[in-house]
C-alpha atoms as a PDB file:
ATOM      1  CA  UNK A   1     -36.374   8.305  46.251  1.00  0.00           C
ATOM      2  CA  UNK A   2     -37.697  10.153  42.859  1.00  0.00           C
ATOM      3  CA  UNK A   3     -34.205  11.369  42.081  1.00  0.00           C
ATOM      4  CA  UNK A   4     -33.521   7.540  42.248  1.00  0.00           C
ATOM      5  CA  UNK A   5     -35.780   6.671  40.064  1.00  0.00           C
ATOM      6  CA  UNK A   6     -35.016   9.254  37.763  1.00  0.00           C
ATOM      7  CA  UNK A   7     -31.351   8.532  37.486  1.00  0.00           C
ATOM      8  CA  UNK A   8     -32.037   4.438  37.131  1.00  0.00           C
ATOM      9  CA  UNK A   9     -33.110   4.362  33.633  1.00  0.00           C
ATOM     10  CA  UNK A  10     -29.865   5.872  32.153  1.00  0.00           C
ATOM     11  CA  UNK A  11     -27.525   3.888  33.862  1.00  0.00           C
ATOM     12  CA  UNK A  12     -28.507   0.787  31.338  1.00  0.00           C
ATOM     13  CA  UNK A  13     -28.673   3.068  28.579  1.00  0.00           C
ATOM     14  CA  UNK A  14     -25.070   4.127  29.122  1.00  0.00           C
ATOM     15  CA  UNK A  15     -23.749   0.590  29.609  1.00  0.00           C
ATOM     16  CA  UNK A  16     -25.517  -0.143  26.418  1.00  0.00           C
ATOM     17  CA  UNK A  17     -24.210   2.650  24.484  1.00  0.00           C
ATOM     18  CA  UNK A  18     -20.545   1.723  25.585  1.00  0.00           C
ATOM     19  CA  UNK A  19     -21.318  -1.667  24.888  1.00  0.00           C
ATOM     20  CA  UNK A  20     -22.220  -0.979  21.279  1.00  0.00           C
ATOM     21  CA  UNK A  21     -19.433   1.422  20.545  1.00  0.00           C
ATOM     22  CA  UNK A  22     -16.895  -1.125  21.731  1.00  0.00           C
ATOM     23  CA  UNK A  23     -18.276  -3.869  19.661  1.00  0.00           C
ATOM     24  CA  UNK A  24     -18.320  -1.620  16.890  1.00  0.00           C
ATOM     25  CA  UNK A  25     -15.064  -0.817  17.121  1.00  0.00           C
ATOM     26  CA  UNK A  26     -13.778  -4.115  17.988  1.00  0.00           C
ATOM     27  CA  UNK A  27     -15.637  -6.277  15.725  1.00  0.00           C
ATOM     28  CA  UNK A  28     -13.909  -5.296  12.400  1.00  0.00           C
ATOM     29  CA  UNK A  29     -10.481  -5.969  13.732  1.00  0.00           C
ATOM     30  CA  UNK A  30     -11.837  -9.576  15.173  1.00  0.00           C
ATOM     31  CA  UNK A  31     -13.060 -10.005  11.727  1.00  0.00           C
ATOM     32  CA  UNK A  32      -9.534  -9.262   9.933  1.00  0.00           C
ATOM     33  CA  UNK A  33      -7.883 -11.285  12.707  1.00  0.00           C
ATOM     34  CA  UNK A  34     -10.186 -14.351  12.371  1.00  0.00           C
ATOM     35  CA  UNK A  35      -9.541 -14.326   8.501  1.00  0.00           C
ATOM     36  CA  UNK A  36      -5.560 -14.565   8.985  1.00  0.00           C
ATOM     37  CA  UNK A  37      -5.366 -17.278  11.703  1.00  0.00           C
ATOM     38  CA  UNK A  38      -8.403 -19.068   9.593  1.00  0.00           C
ATOM     39  CA  UNK A  39      -6.135 -19.031   6.580  1.00  0.00           C
ATOM     40  CA  UNK A  40      -2.855 -19.809   8.168  1.00  0.00           C
ATOM     41  CA  UNK A  41      -5.239 -22.838   9.800  1.00  0.00           C
ATOM     42  CA  UNK A  42      -6.022 -23.838   6.136  1.00  0.00           C
ATOM     43  CA  UNK A  43      -2.257 -23.345   4.971  1.00  0.00           C
ATOM     44  CA  UNK A  44      -0.999 -25.434   7.772  1.00  0.00           C
ATOM     45  CA  UNK A  45      -3.651 -28.427   7.237  1.00  0.00           C
ATOM     46  CA  UNK A  46      -2.893 -28.887   3.657  1.00  0.00           C
ATOM     47  CA  UNK A  47       1.184 -28.474   4.009  1.00  0.00           C
ATOM     48  CA  UNK A  48       0.594 -31.047   6.307  1.00  0.00           C
ATOM     49  CA  UNK A  49      -1.924 -33.209   5.055  1.00  0.00           C
ATOM     50  CA  UNK A  50      -2.086 -32.572   1.452  1.00  0.00           C
ATOM     51  CA  UNK A  51       1.020 -31.487   0.400  1.00  0.00           C
ATOM     52  CA  UNK A  52       3.604 -34.468   1.321  1.00  0.00           C
ATOM     53  CA  UNK A  53       6.882 -33.088   0.049  1.00  0.00           C
ATOM     54  CA  UNK A  54       8.518 -30.109   1.457  1.00  0.00           C
ATOM     55  CA  UNK A  55       9.745 -28.906  -1.702  1.00  0.00           C
ATOM     56  CA  UNK A  56       6.573 -27.569  -2.912  1.00  0.00           C
ATOM     57  CA  UNK A  57       5.128 -25.763   0.119  1.00  0.00           C
ATOM     58  CA  UNK A  58       6.491 -25.263   3.642  1.00  0.00           C
ATOM     59  CA  UNK A  59       3.922 -24.647   6.641  1.00  0.00           C
ATOM     60  CA  UNK A  60       3.346 -21.873   8.642  1.00  0.00           C
ATOM     61  CA  UNK A  61       4.746 -23.153  11.677  1.00  0.00           C
ATOM     62  CA  UNK A  62       7.960 -24.211   9.719  1.00  0.00           C
ATOM     63  CA  UNK A  63       8.278 -20.435   8.215  1.00  0.00           C
ATOM     64  CA  UNK A  64       7.811 -19.036  12.008  1.00  0.00           C
ATOM     65  CA  UNK A  65      10.754 -21.199  12.950  1.00  0.00           C
ATOM     66  CA  UNK A  66      12.858 -20.134   9.896  1.00  0.00           C
ATOM     67  CA  UNK A  67      12.756 -16.669  11.302  1.00  0.00           C
ATOM     68  CA  UNK A  68      15.174 -17.294  13.963  1.00  0.00           C
ATOM     69  CA  UNK A  69      17.874 -19.256  12.012  1.00  0.00           C
ATOM     70  CA  UNK A  70      18.011 -16.093   9.924  1.00  0.00           C
ATOM     71  CA  UNK A  71      17.983 -13.291  11.878  1.00  0.00           C
ATOM     72  CA  UNK A  72      20.927 -14.864  13.935  1.00  0.00           C
ATOM     73  CA  UNK A  73      22.856 -15.247  10.565  1.00  0.00           C
ATOM     74  CA  UNK A  74      22.178 -11.350  10.005  1.00  0.00           C
ATOM     75  CA  UNK A  75      21.092 -11.800   6.594  1.00  0.00           C
ATOM     76  CA  UNK A  76      17.379 -11.257   7.130  1.00  0.00           C
ATOM     77  CA  UNK A  77      18.050  -7.630   9.084  1.00  0.00           C
ATOM     78  CA  UNK A  78      20.090  -6.572   6.342  1.00  0.00           C
ATOM     79  CA  UNK A  79      17.521  -7.685   3.331  1.00  0.00           C
ATOM     80  CA  UNK A  80      14.953  -5.810   5.204  1.00  0.00           C
ATOM     81  CA  UNK A  81      16.766  -2.712   5.796  1.00  0.00           C
ATOM     82  CA  UNK A  82      17.630  -2.717   2.032  1.00  0.00           C
ATOM     83  CA  UNK A  83      14.285  -3.337   0.546  1.00  0.00           C
ATOM     84  CA  UNK A  84      12.484  -1.188   2.821  1.00  0.00           C
ATOM     85  CA  UNK A  85      15.408   1.809   1.742  1.00  0.00           C
ATOM     86  CA  UNK A  86      14.238   1.401  -1.933  1.00  0.00           C
ATOM     87  CA  UNK A  87      11.053   0.991  -1.337  1.00  0.00           C
ATOM     88  CA  UNK A  88      10.763   4.018   0.706  1.00  0.00           C
ATOM     89  CA  UNK A  89      12.566   6.651  -1.353  1.00  0.00           C
ATOM     90  CA  UNK A  90      10.985   5.204  -4.848  1.00  0.00           C
ATOM     91  CA  UNK A  91       7.560   5.239  -3.235  1.00  0.00           C
ATOM     92  CA  UNK A  92       8.180   9.014  -2.039  1.00  0.00           C
ATOM     93  CA  UNK A  93       9.351  10.203  -5.302  1.00  0.00           C
ATOM     94  CA  UNK A  94       6.819   8.437  -7.235  1.00  0.00           C
ATOM     95  CA  UNK A  95       4.040   9.585  -5.160  1.00  0.00           C
ATOM     96  CA  UNK A  96       5.687  13.385  -5.122  1.00  0.00           C
ATOM     97  CA  UNK A  97       5.919  13.187  -9.033  1.00  0.00           C
ATOM     98  CA  UNK A  98       2.784  11.697  -9.693  1.00  0.00           C
ATOM     99  CA  UNK A  99       0.468  13.960  -7.709  1.00  0.00           C
ATOM    100  CA  UNK A 100       2.135  16.928  -9.758  1.00  0.00           C
ATOM    101  CA  UNK A 101       1.851  15.697 -13.175  1.00  0.00           C
ATOM    102  CA  UNK A 102      -1.839  14.753 -12.356  1.00  0.00           C
ATOM    103  CA  UNK A 103      -2.269  18.287 -11.097  1.00  0.00           C
ATOM    104  CA  UNK A 104      -1.038  19.506 -14.418  1.00  0.00           C
ATOM    105  CA  UNK A 105      -2.968  16.998 -16.466  1.00  0.00           C
ATOM    106  CA  UNK A 106      -6.299  18.307 -14.667  1.00  0.00           C
ATOM    107  CA  UNK A 107      -5.268  21.918 -14.990  1.00  0.00           C
ATOM    108  CA  UNK A 108      -4.521  22.727 -18.427  1.00  0.00           C
ATOM    109  CA  UNK A 109      -5.808  20.698 -21.733  1.00  0.00           C
ATOM    110  CA  UNK A 110      -2.743  20.994 -23.468  1.00  0.00           C
ATOM    111  CA  UNK A 111      -0.732  19.719 -20.707  1.00  0.00           C
ATOM    112  CA  UNK A 112      -2.933  16.336 -20.783  1.00  0.00           C
ATOM    113  CA  UNK A 113      -3.008  16.087 -24.675  1.00  0.00           C
ATOM    114  CA  UNK A 114       1.104  15.946 -24.367  1.00  0.00           C
ATOM    115  CA  UNK A 115       1.106  13.711 -21.655  1.00  0.00           C
ATOM    116  CA  UNK A 116      -1.689  11.402 -22.144  1.00  0.00           C
ATOM    117  CA  UNK A 117      -0.338   9.085 -24.644  1.00  0.00           C
ATOM    118  CA  UNK A 118       3.293   8.968 -22.080  1.00  0.00           C
ATOM    119  CA  UNK A 119       1.117   8.040 -18.850  1.00  0.00           C
ATOM    120  CA  UNK A 120      -1.265   5.505 -21.153  1.00  0.00           C
ATOM    121  CA  UNK A 121       1.444   3.555 -22.990  1.00  0.00           C
ATOM    122  CA  UNK A 122       3.748   3.579 -20.214  1.00  0.00           C
ATOM    123  CA  UNK A 123       1.313   2.175 -17.838  1.00  0.00           C
ATOM    124  CA  UNK A 124       0.591  -0.249 -20.340  1.00  0.00           C
ATOM    125  CA  UNK A 125       4.142  -1.392 -20.669  1.00  0.00           C
ATOM    126  CA  UNK A 126       5.123  -4.188 -18.841  1.00  0.00           C
ATOM    127  CA  UNK A 127       7.951  -3.124 -15.631  1.00  0.00           C
ATOM    128  CA  UNK A 128       9.358  -6.580 -15.847  1.00  0.00           C
ATOM    129  CA  UNK A 129      10.394  -6.665 -19.258  1.00  0.00           C
ATOM    130  CA  UNK A 130      11.812  -2.839 -18.583  1.00  0.00           C
ATOM    131  CA  UNK A 131      14.051  -4.190 -15.148  1.00  0.00           C
ATOM    132  CA  UNK A 132      17.028  -5.725 -16.773  1.00  0.00           C
ATOM    133  CA  UNK A 133      17.437  -2.477 -18.670  1.00  0.00           C
ATOM    134  CA  UNK A 134      17.288  -0.563 -15.638  1.00  0.00           C
ATOM    135  CA  UNK A 135      19.751  -2.412 -14.091  1.00  0.00           C
ATOM    136  CA  UNK A 136      21.914  -2.421 -16.932  1.00  0.00           C
ATOM    137  CA  UNK A 137      21.912   1.572 -17.207  1.00  0.00           C
ATOM    138  CA  UNK A 138      21.914   2.086 -13.586  1.00  0.00           C
ATOM    139  CA  UNK A 139      23.728  -0.799 -11.800  1.00  0.00           C
ATOM    140  CA  UNK A 140      23.066  -3.191  -9.427  1.00  0.00           C
ATOM    141  CA  UNK A 141      23.079  -0.574  -6.649  1.00  0.00           C
ATOM    142  CA  UNK A 142      20.253   1.202  -5.137  1.00  0.00           C
ATOM    143  CA  UNK A 143      19.201   3.512  -7.941  1.00  0.00           C
ATOM    144  CA  UNK A 144      18.193   0.889 -10.360  1.00  0.00           C
ATOM    145  CA  UNK A 145      15.641  -0.659  -7.918  1.00  0.00           C
ATOM    146  CA  UNK A 146      14.409   2.826  -6.962  1.00  0.00           C
ATOM    147  CA  UNK A 147      13.792   3.335 -10.468  1.00  0.00           C
ATOM    148  CA  UNK A 148      11.826   0.368 -10.834  1.00  0.00           C
ATOM    149  CA  UNK A 149       9.711   1.150  -7.831  1.00  0.00           C
ATOM    150  CA  UNK A 150       8.785   4.568  -9.048  1.00  0.00           C
ATOM    151  CA  UNK A 151       8.098   3.415 -12.158  1.00  0.00           C
ATOM    152  CA  UNK A 152       5.724   0.934 -11.040  1.00  0.00           C
ATOM    153  CA  UNK A 153       4.246   3.197  -8.279  1.00  0.00           C
ATOM    154  CA  UNK A 154       3.872   6.562 -10.385  1.00  0.00           C
ATOM    155  CA  UNK A 155       0.703   5.878 -12.828  1.00  0.00           C
ATOM    156  CA  UNK A 156      -2.019   4.841 -10.386  1.00  0.00           C
ATOM    157  CA  UNK A 157      -0.839   8.238  -8.599  1.00  0.00           C
ATOM    158  CA  UNK A 158      -1.289  10.194 -11.972  1.00  0.00           C
ATOM    159  CA  UNK A 159      -4.332   8.699 -13.024  1.00  0.00           C
ATOM    160  CA  UNK A 160      -6.083   8.917  -9.154  1.00  0.00           C
ATOM    161  CA  UNK A 161      -5.130  12.508  -9.037  1.00  0.00           C
ATOM    162  CA  UNK A 162      -6.300  13.888 -12.725  1.00  0.00           C
ATOM    163  CA  UNK A 163      -9.632  11.690 -11.935  1.00  0.00           C
ATOM    164  CA  UNK A 164     -10.409  13.288  -8.569  1.00  0.00           C
ATOM    165  CA  UNK A 165      -9.811  16.739  -9.749  1.00  0.00           C
ATOM    166  CA  UNK A 166     -11.431  16.541 -12.932  1.00  0.00           C
ATOM    167  CA  UNK A 167     -14.783  14.858 -10.657  1.00  0.00           C
ATOM    168  CA  UNK A 168     -15.025  17.917  -8.520  1.00  0.00           C
ATOM    169  CA  UNK A 169     -18.373  19.368  -8.280  1.00  0.00           C
ATOM    170  CA  UNK A 170     -18.385  22.368 -11.105  1.00  0.00           C
ATOM    171  CA  UNK A 171     -21.773  23.381  -9.318  1.00  0.00           C
ATOM    172  CA  UNK A 172     -19.706  23.880  -5.951  1.00  0.00           C
ATOM    173  CA  UNK A 173     -17.053  25.230  -7.792  1.00  0.00           C
ATOM    174  CA  UNK A 174     -19.515  28.275  -9.597  1.00  0.00           C
ATOM    175  CA  UNK A 175     -21.134  28.448  -6.410  1.00  0.00           C
ATOM    176  CA  UNK A 176     -17.616  29.253  -4.371  1.00  0.00           C
ATOM    177  CA  UNK A 177     -16.437  31.418  -7.554  1.00  0.00           C
ATOM    178  CA  UNK A 178     -19.825  33.623  -7.061  1.00  0.00           C
ATOM    179  CA  UNK A 179     -18.710  34.596  -3.454  1.00  0.00           C
ATOM    180  CA  UNK A 180     -15.609  35.899  -4.920  1.00  0.00           C
ATOM    181  CA  UNK A 181     -13.010  33.265  -4.592  1.00  0.00           C
ATOM    182  CA  UNK A 182     -10.019  33.065  -6.778  1.00  0.00           C
ATOM    183  CA  UNK A 183      -8.812  30.423  -8.107  1.00  0.00           C
ATOM    184  CA  UNK A 184      -6.074  29.462  -5.921  1.00  0.00           C
ATOM    185  CA  UNK A 185      -8.803  29.269  -2.977  1.00  0.00           C
ATOM    186  CA  UNK A 186     -10.842  27.444  -5.405  1.00  0.00           C
ATOM    187  CA  UNK A 187      -8.240  25.081  -5.632  1.00  0.00           C
ATOM    188  CA  UNK A 188      -7.694  24.659  -1.906  1.00  0.00           C
ATOM    189  CA  UNK A 189     -10.945  24.986  -0.317  1.00  0.00           C
ATOM    190  CA  UNK A 190     -13.189  22.928  -3.160  1.00  0.00           C
ATOM    191  CA  UNK A 191     -10.714  21.184  -5.545  1.00  0.00           C
ATOM    192  CA  UNK A 192      -7.879  19.382  -4.013  1.00  0.00           C
ATOM    193  CA  UNK A 193     -10.331  18.500  -0.964  1.00  0.00           C
ATOM    194  CA  UNK A 194     -12.442  16.929  -3.216  1.00  0.00           C
ATOM    195  CA  UNK A 195      -9.794  15.276  -4.790  1.00  0.00           C
ATOM    196  CA  UNK A 196      -8.277  13.791  -1.788  1.00  0.00           C
ATOM    197  CA  UNK A 197     -10.035  10.325  -1.789  1.00  0.00           C
ATOM    198  CA  UNK A 198      -9.050   9.762  -5.022  1.00  0.00           C
ATOM    199  CA  UNK A 199      -5.417  10.512  -4.344  1.00  0.00           C
ATOM    200  CA  UNK A 200      -5.488   8.412  -1.157  1.00  0.00           C
ATOM    201  CA  UNK A 201      -6.602   5.429  -3.237  1.00  0.00           C
ATOM    202  CA  UNK A 202      -3.724   5.740  -5.610  1.00  0.00           C
ATOM    203  CA  UNK A 203      -1.011   6.039  -2.824  1.00  0.00           C
ATOM    204  CA  UNK A 204      -2.588   2.827  -1.716  1.00  0.00           C
ATOM    205  CA  UNK A 205      -2.642   1.307  -4.784  1.00  0.00           C
ATOM    206  CA  UNK A 206       1.169   2.245  -5.139  1.00  0.00           C
ATOM    207  CA  UNK A 207       2.069   0.253  -1.959  1.00  0.00           C
ATOM    208  CA  UNK A 208       1.573  -3.217  -3.381  1.00  0.00           C
ATOM    209  CA  UNK A 209       2.836  -2.144  -6.558  1.00  0.00           C
ATOM    210  CA  UNK A 210       5.876  -0.295  -4.882  1.00  0.00           C
ATOM    211  CA  UNK A 211       6.595  -3.901  -2.945  1.00  0.00           C
ATOM    212  CA  UNK A 212       6.421  -5.684  -6.443  1.00  0.00           C
ATOM    213  CA  UNK A 213       8.514  -3.409  -7.823  1.00  0.00           C
ATOM    214  CA  UNK A 214      11.568  -3.993  -4.937  1.00  0.00           C
ATOM    215  CA  UNK A 215      11.338  -7.693  -5.412  1.00  0.00           C
ATOM    216  CA  UNK A 216      11.561  -7.591  -9.239  1.00  0.00           C
ATOM    217  CA  UNK A 217      14.364  -5.459  -9.236  1.00  0.00           C
ATOM    218  CA  UNK A 218      16.646  -7.477  -6.820  1.00  0.00           C
ATOM    219  CA  UNK A 219      15.420 -10.631  -8.753  1.00  0.00           C
ATOM    220  CA  UNK A 220      17.233  -9.625 -11.847  1.00  0.00           C
ATOM    221  CA  UNK A 221      20.874  -8.250  -9.655  1.00  0.00           C
ATOM    222  CA  UNK A 222      21.159  -7.360  -5.959  1.00  0.00           C
ATOM    223  CA  UNK A 223      23.836  -7.716  -3.243  1.00  0.00           C
ATOM    224  CA  UNK A 224      21.085  -7.974  -0.607  1.00  0.00           C
ATOM    225  CA  UNK A 225      17.104  -7.720   0.161  1.00  0.00           C
ATOM    226  CA  UNK A 226      13.930  -9.521   0.316  1.00  0.00           C
ATOM    227  CA  UNK A 227      13.763 -10.286  -3.424  1.00  0.00           C
ATOM    228  CA  UNK A 228      17.281 -11.746  -3.240  1.00  0.00           C
ATOM    229  CA  UNK A 229      16.721 -13.860  -0.256  1.00  0.00           C
ATOM    230  CA  UNK A 230      13.575 -15.053  -2.007  1.00  0.00           C
ATOM    231  CA  UNK A 231      15.342 -16.142  -5.413  1.00  0.00           C
ATOM    232  CA  UNK A 232      18.443 -17.588  -3.413  1.00  0.00           C
ATOM    233  CA  UNK A 233      16.069 -19.862  -1.309  1.00  0.00           C
ATOM    234  CA  UNK A 234      14.043 -20.996  -4.558  1.00  0.00           C
ATOM    235  CA  UNK A 235      17.170 -22.039  -5.900  1.00  0.00           C
ATOM    236  CA  UNK A 236      18.191 -24.196  -2.867  1.00  0.00           C
ATOM    237  CA  UNK A 237      14.454 -25.276  -2.472  1.00  0.00           C
ATOM    238  CA  UNK A 238      14.600 -23.642   1.128  1.00  0.00           C
ATOM    239  CA  UNK A 239      10.751 -22.930   1.008  1.00  0.00           C
ATOM    240  CA  UNK A 240      10.425 -21.792   4.698  1.00  0.00           C
ATOM    241  CA  UNK A 241      13.081 -19.386   4.000  1.00  0.00           C
ATOM    242  CA  UNK A 242      11.498 -18.646   0.605  1.00  0.00           C
ATOM    243  CA  UNK A 243       8.082 -17.786   2.299  1.00  0.00           C
ATOM    244  CA  UNK A 244       9.336 -15.764   5.358  1.00  0.00           C
ATOM    245  CA  UNK A 245      10.452 -13.285   2.569  1.00  0.00           C
ATOM    246  CA  UNK A 246       6.726 -13.221   1.038  1.00  0.00           C
ATOM    247  CA  UNK A 247       5.401 -13.251   4.356  1.00  0.00           C
ATOM    248  CA  UNK A 248       7.473  -9.941   5.429  1.00  0.00           C
ATOM    249  CA  UNK A 249       6.541  -8.230   2.270  1.00  0.00           C
ATOM    250  CA  UNK A 250       2.785  -9.050   2.847  1.00  0.00           C
ATOM    251  CA  UNK A 251       2.948  -8.228   6.330  1.00  0.00           C
ATOM    252  CA  UNK A 252       4.633  -4.664   5.182  1.00  0.00           C
ATOM    253  CA  UNK A 253       1.855  -4.486   2.475  1.00  0.00           C
ATOM    254  CA  UNK A 254      -0.844  -5.017   5.308  1.00  0.00           C
ATOM    255  CA  UNK A 255       0.544  -2.422   7.851  1.00  0.00           C
ATOM    256  CA  UNK A 256       1.010   0.037   5.242  1.00  0.00           C
ATOM    257  CA  UNK A 257      -2.302  -0.005   3.744  1.00  0.00           C
ATOM    258  CA  UNK A 258      -4.070  -0.110   7.035  1.00  0.00           C
ATOM    259  CA  UNK A 259      -1.713   2.930   8.313  1.00  0.00           C
ATOM    260  CA  UNK A 260      -3.007   4.702   4.957  1.00  0.00           C
ATOM    261  CA  UNK A 261      -6.454   4.078   5.730  1.00  0.00           C
ATOM    262  CA  UNK A 262      -6.381   5.425   9.215  1.00  0.00           C
ATOM    263  CA  UNK A 263      -4.621   8.452   8.058  1.00  0.00           C
ATOM    264  CA  UNK A 264      -7.619   8.941   5.376  1.00  0.00           C
ATOM    265  CA  UNK A 265     -10.018   8.615   8.245  1.00  0.00           C
ATOM    266  CA  UNK A 266      -8.448  11.161  10.211  1.00  0.00           C
ATOM    267  CA  UNK A 267      -7.684  13.578   7.193  1.00  0.00           C
ATOM    268  CA  UNK A 268     -11.243  13.131   5.391  1.00  0.00           C
ATOM    269  CA  UNK A 269     -13.738  12.768   8.184  1.00  0.00           C
ATOM    270  CA  UNK A 270     -16.625  13.834   6.117  1.00  0.00           C
ATOM    271  CA  UNK A 271     -16.353  10.653   4.290  1.00  0.00           C
ATOM    272  CA  UNK A 272     -17.529   8.427   7.274  1.00  0.00           C
END
């Protein structure tokens, strides 16, 4: 009997803890899904009640119905694949080069003085104005799109990488150095882990800019791609197909950003 009395109070506590943990894990996703469905419902009401002409706005239900017809024609699969390849190549190249340039600028004062004017100037330059020039130089093939994507992605990565390395705690570096750590150990054990949150921020900022770069490049000249689908749909006033292309890009941005956020939580557990 005493054993039963001793164990009984712990059971509700265990259930309560599991319930609290489950609620904490589910609540953020519930709010996000609620926000998405609420926005879609509001969009549906506005398009059905307040916007009479289908030339200005398509309802979410009409956009969903446009996917099967686009898929049956074979255009949607080709457009998604083309834009995905352009984005992945340009984004990967820009991230690798951006991290290296940021490391170089943070590690050498001379390098920063040489590169800073170019980074600041090109970052402020509207890539939309340069996209036709890139297409003229590299043609309407994949190379021109990769260049446009890389030109938009690289600068947030460079700036955030440099900022992350420069904000490393100097006292921590001196403490590690006092224990005999060399420059390589200081970099990999202190500076790089301290800069990783900034680097991830730059990578996540680059996702949206890279997707914009894909659309911009394809609007000026392309044989296939989501930007070409959006442009062609706008010319023919096919609003459901236009919003279908936009929805795919928005969904890709949400998924990629969430993926980077999950990877960041796994690699940087101390931030929690």
